[in-house]
Protein backbone atom coordinates (compact mmCIF):
# COMPACT_ATOMS: atom_id res chain seq x y z
CA MET A 1 65.69 44.21 55.99
CA ASN A 2 63.16 45.60 53.52
CA PRO A 3 63.82 45.32 49.75
CA VAL A 4 64.74 49.00 49.36
CA THR A 5 67.24 48.91 52.24
CA ARG A 6 68.71 45.63 50.97
CA LEU A 7 69.13 47.04 47.47
CA SER A 8 70.80 50.15 48.87
CA ALA A 9 73.22 48.01 50.87
CA MET A 10 74.07 45.91 47.83
CA LEU A 11 74.71 49.00 45.76
CA LEU A 12 76.98 50.38 48.48
CA VAL A 13 79.02 47.17 48.53
CA CYS A 14 79.35 47.25 44.75
CA LEU A 15 80.51 50.85 44.86
CA LEU A 16 83.08 50.07 47.54
CA TYR A 17 84.51 47.17 45.56
CA SER A 18 84.58 49.02 42.27
CA SER A 19 86.18 52.12 43.78
CA GLY A 20 88.88 50.10 45.53
CA THR A 21 88.08 51.44 49.01
CA ALA A 22 87.33 48.12 50.72
CA TYR A 23 87.28 44.37 50.22
CA ALA A 24 86.90 41.26 52.32
CA LEU A 25 89.90 39.17 53.29
CA GLU A 26 90.09 36.09 51.09
CA ALA A 27 92.02 32.97 52.04
CA ASN A 28 95.33 32.17 50.34
CA THR A 29 95.81 35.69 48.99
CA VAL A 30 99.30 37.15 48.58
CA PHE A 31 99.61 40.72 49.86
CA MET A 32 102.49 43.04 49.08
CA CYS A 33 103.67 46.47 50.26
CA ASP A 34 105.96 48.74 48.28
CA PHE A 35 109.10 50.40 49.60
CA VAL A 36 108.29 54.03 48.81
CA ASN A 37 107.68 57.25 50.73
CA GLN A 38 103.92 56.64 50.74
CA SER A 39 103.63 52.86 50.92
CA LYS A 40 100.54 51.06 49.65
CA LEU A 41 99.07 47.61 50.19
CA TYR A 42 98.58 45.44 47.09
CA ARG A 43 97.41 41.96 46.18
CA ILE A 44 99.58 39.86 43.85
CA SER A 45 98.63 37.05 41.49
CA THR A 46 101.04 34.12 41.76
CA THR A 47 99.82 32.89 38.38
CA THR A 48 100.73 35.99 36.38
CA GLY A 49 102.96 37.77 38.88
CA LYS A 50 100.95 40.95 38.40
CA VAL A 51 99.24 43.30 40.82
CA LEU A 52 95.54 42.46 41.01
CA THR A 53 93.07 45.19 40.06
CA PRO A 54 90.47 46.03 41.09
CA PRO A 55 90.61 46.87 43.95
CA GLY A 56 94.23 47.88 43.47
CA ALA A 57 96.42 49.62 46.00
CA LYS A 58 95.45 50.76 49.48
CA PRO A 59 97.32 53.70 51.10
CA MET A 60 98.91 52.47 54.33
CA GLY A 61 99.63 55.85 55.86
CA ILE A 62 103.29 54.94 56.48
CA SER A 63 106.55 55.44 54.63
CA LEU A 64 109.03 52.74 53.59
CA CYS A 65 107.08 49.61 54.49
CA SER A 66 109.76 46.94 54.29
CA ASP A 67 107.79 43.74 54.94
CA LEU A 68 104.47 42.10 55.84
CA ALA A 69 103.55 39.06 57.93
CA PHE A 70 100.26 37.34 58.68
CA ARG A 71 99.89 36.11 62.26
CA ASN A 72 96.76 33.99 61.99
CA PHE A 73 94.23 36.37 60.39
CA SER A 74 96.01 39.55 61.52
CA LEU A 75 98.40 41.29 59.14
CA TYR A 76 101.45 43.15 60.41
CA ALA A 77 103.93 45.43 58.67
CA THR A 78 107.36 46.71 59.57
CA THR A 79 109.33 49.83 58.86
CA TYR A 80 112.96 49.94 59.93
CA THR A 81 112.05 50.88 63.50
CA ARG A 82 108.44 49.91 64.25
CA LEU A 83 105.73 47.27 63.98
CA TYR A 84 102.26 48.10 62.62
CA ALA A 85 98.92 46.31 62.53
CA VAL A 86 97.38 46.52 59.05
CA ASN A 87 93.70 46.60 58.15
CA THR A 88 93.54 44.35 55.07
CA SER A 89 90.30 45.99 53.92
CA THR A 90 91.46 49.61 53.94
CA GLY A 91 95.21 49.08 53.94
CA HIS A 92 95.64 51.47 56.87
CA ALA A 93 98.54 50.68 59.22
CA THR A 94 98.36 51.44 62.95
CA ALA A 95 101.58 51.68 64.95
CA ARG A 96 102.17 49.47 67.97
CA PRO A 97 102.79 51.55 71.11
CA ASN A 98 106.59 51.14 71.18
CA THR A 99 109.46 51.15 68.73
CA TYR A 100 111.63 48.04 68.56
CA GLY A 101 114.10 49.54 70.98
CA PRO A 102 117.46 51.34 71.21
CA GLY A 103 119.72 50.66 68.25
CA ILE A 104 117.21 48.48 66.40
CA ASN A 105 116.65 50.62 63.34
CA ASP A 106 117.17 48.39 60.29
CA VAL A 107 114.40 45.76 60.37
CA VAL A 108 113.45 44.71 56.84
CA ALA A 109 112.32 41.08 57.27
CA LEU A 110 109.20 39.90 59.08
CA VAL A 111 107.51 36.52 59.58
CA ALA A 112 105.17 34.82 62.05
CA GLN A 113 106.17 31.36 63.24
CA PRO A 114 103.43 28.76 62.73
CA GLY A 115 102.22 27.19 65.94
CA THR A 116 103.90 29.59 68.36
CA GLY A 117 102.65 32.81 66.74
CA LYS A 118 106.00 34.47 67.45
CA ILE A 119 106.76 37.43 65.18
CA LEU A 120 110.37 37.36 64.03
CA GLY A 121 112.36 40.09 62.32
CA GLY A 122 115.69 40.56 60.57
CA GLY A 123 118.00 43.52 59.94
CA ILE A 124 119.61 44.68 56.72
CA ASN A 125 122.87 45.87 58.27
CA PHE A 126 125.89 43.64 58.99
CA PRO A 127 125.84 41.50 61.07
CA GLY A 128 122.27 40.57 60.19
CA ARG A 129 120.33 41.10 63.40
CA PHE A 130 117.58 38.58 64.32
CA ILE A 131 114.83 39.62 66.74
CA GLU A 132 111.55 38.49 68.28
CA ILE A 133 108.80 41.14 68.38
CA ASP A 134 105.93 41.45 70.84
CA PRO A 135 102.84 41.91 68.61
CA THR A 136 101.03 43.92 71.31
CA THR A 137 103.71 46.35 72.45
CA GLY A 138 106.01 46.29 69.42
CA LYS A 139 109.12 45.85 71.59
CA ALA A 140 111.87 43.60 70.26
CA THR A 141 114.10 41.04 71.96
CA PRO A 142 117.47 40.32 70.28
CA ARG A 143 117.85 36.67 69.24
CA GLY A 144 121.32 36.68 67.71
CA ASN A 145 122.51 37.35 64.16
CA ILE A 146 123.13 35.43 60.95
CA GLY A 147 126.84 36.19 60.71
CA SER A 148 129.24 39.10 60.43
CA SER A 149 129.29 38.98 56.62
CA ARG A 150 125.56 38.30 56.15
CA ALA A 151 122.41 40.39 56.52
CA PHE A 152 118.75 40.10 55.60
CA TRP A 153 117.70 41.43 52.18
CA GLY A 154 114.06 41.67 53.09
CA ASP A 155 111.94 38.66 53.98
CA MET A 156 111.55 35.29 55.65
CA ALA A 157 109.05 32.46 55.14
CA PHE A 158 108.30 29.10 56.75
CA LEU A 159 107.96 26.14 54.38
CA ASN A 160 107.37 22.62 55.70
CA GLY A 161 108.60 23.69 59.12
CA SER A 162 111.84 25.22 57.83
CA LEU A 163 112.61 28.94 57.95
CA TYR A 164 113.94 30.44 54.72
CA ALA A 165 115.32 33.95 54.24
CA THR A 166 116.61 36.14 51.44
CA ILE A 167 120.01 37.42 52.49
CA ARG A 168 122.78 39.62 51.18
CA LYS A 169 126.49 39.00 51.60
CA ASN A 170 129.36 41.38 52.14
CA GLY A 171 131.16 42.05 48.86
CA GLN A 172 128.37 40.61 46.67
CA GLY A 173 126.62 43.88 45.77
CA ASP A 174 122.88 43.58 45.07
CA ARG A 175 122.95 39.79 44.58
CA THR A 176 120.50 37.84 46.74
CA PHE A 177 121.12 34.45 48.34
CA LEU A 178 118.62 31.98 49.74
CA ALA A 179 119.35 30.64 53.22
CA LYS A 180 117.77 28.20 55.65
CA LEU A 181 117.83 29.30 59.28
CA THR A 182 117.70 26.95 62.25
CA LEU A 183 116.50 28.16 65.64
CA ASN A 184 117.53 26.65 68.95
CA ALA A 185 115.22 25.77 71.83
CA GLN A 186 115.36 29.34 73.16
CA GLY A 187 114.31 30.78 69.80
CA ASN A 188 117.75 32.20 69.03
CA ILE A 189 119.59 31.77 65.74
CA GLY A 190 121.30 28.39 65.61
CA THR A 191 122.75 27.62 62.18
CA VAL A 192 122.60 29.37 58.81
CA GLN A 193 122.77 27.18 55.69
CA GLU A 194 123.37 29.02 52.42
CA LEU A 195 121.45 27.31 49.60
CA GLY A 196 122.61 29.34 46.63
CA MET A 197 122.27 32.60 44.79
CA ILE A 198 118.73 33.38 43.61
CA ARG A 199 119.25 33.01 39.88
CA THR A 200 118.07 31.65 36.56
CA THR A 201 119.75 30.49 33.36
CA VAL A 202 118.55 31.58 29.91
CA ASN A 203 120.17 30.00 26.84
CA GLY A 204 123.18 29.03 28.91
CA THR A 205 123.66 32.49 30.40
CA LEU A 206 123.40 32.96 34.17
CA TYR A 207 121.26 35.80 35.45
CA TYR A 208 120.79 36.73 39.08
CA LEU A 209 117.84 38.60 40.54
CA LYS A 210 118.73 41.88 42.17
CA GLN A 211 117.50 42.69 45.66
CA VAL A 212 114.92 39.97 46.29
CA TRP A 213 113.07 41.68 49.11
CA SER A 214 109.91 39.52 49.23
CA LEU A 215 109.31 35.89 50.14
CA THR A 216 106.14 33.90 50.83
CA VAL A 217 104.65 30.42 50.51
CA ARG A 218 101.41 29.73 48.65
CA ASN A 219 100.11 26.21 47.95
CA GLY A 220 103.44 24.76 49.04
CA ILE A 221 105.43 26.88 46.56
CA LEU A 222 108.04 29.46 47.55
CA PHE A 223 107.53 32.79 45.79
CA GLY A 224 109.76 35.85 45.74
CA GLY A 225 109.56 39.42 44.56
CA ASN A 226 112.30 41.96 43.98
CA SER A 227 112.99 45.68 43.86
CA GLN A 228 112.35 45.79 40.10
CA GLY A 229 108.85 44.29 40.32
CA TYR A 230 109.39 40.66 39.30
CA THR A 231 107.33 37.89 40.95
CA VAL A 232 109.02 34.50 40.63
CA ARG A 233 108.96 30.93 41.92
CA ILE A 234 112.06 29.90 43.89
CA ASN A 235 113.35 26.36 44.29
CA PRO A 236 113.92 26.05 48.08
CA ALA A 237 116.71 23.54 47.56
CA ASN A 238 119.05 25.76 45.55
CA GLY A 239 117.57 29.22 44.88
CA VAL A 240 116.95 28.60 41.17
CA VAL A 241 114.14 30.76 39.77
CA THR A 242 111.33 29.91 37.38
CA TYR A 243 108.57 32.25 36.29
CA PRO A 244 104.85 31.69 36.94
CA SER A 245 103.13 29.73 34.18
CA GLY A 246 101.08 32.73 33.09
CA PHE A 247 103.86 35.27 33.62
CA ALA A 248 102.67 38.69 32.50
CA GLY A 249 105.74 40.84 33.01
CA ILE A 250 107.01 43.10 35.74
CA ASN A 251 105.08 45.54 37.91
CA TYR A 252 107.65 48.36 38.10
CA LEU A 253 107.10 48.45 41.85
CA PRO A 254 109.76 48.00 44.58
CA MET A 255 108.24 44.86 46.11
CA ALA A 256 109.23 45.18 49.75
CA GLY A 257 107.30 42.35 51.32
CA PHE A 258 104.98 39.42 50.58
CA SER A 259 102.68 37.54 52.95
CA THR A 260 99.93 34.99 52.26
CA SER A 261 96.63 35.09 54.16
CA PRO A 262 95.53 31.90 55.95
């Protein structure tokens, strides 16, 4: 490549980065989508809890993205009824050929199982439906539910081989509970262990986080995000919340799904 061509290429890359139209996938980066009519793809700092800019948000071309999941280096997104493959550089989401299937229209939680690469999903309606999704076709196979009075609030994450989920409970309004899910040999739901309400205490007063829709693991730490735009650390033993060390306030975005790149 001659010097003029090389300089032109470098200038183009700089323009792309500064304008927010493209960027390379970096390891250990938390991505987020927002639950709005024109969903966008964001990056989140787990140190400050804030959206990273530049490059800022990427239009996904879909409405009401409810969760994200990395399967190896490929990022997937879900709406209530369909799986999408997401270009992490542009943010654009491409639909898989099929919807999840008849009657499966409430999928809000998404995660890829380490080792097997299975994509798992969860429903927001009671009883909380649990499914396995074919990443090529997008078709879903029912794998049980998490109980008649429980449903998924929005996300799942594997930590040290255990599957955690944010769930809602009948009669508990917008409160969120942390649960540990056990799968049997066939990949169906086995047991559901409730670990506690996702909460924090300030000066002796208990506060709970409303609608915790996002969950991911970064550097061995469980992080969550909610409908009001808070990014928090969650104790996996009991659901108690602490804020990132450099906490810089809320994002005022309905954080519908977190996932961390490998």
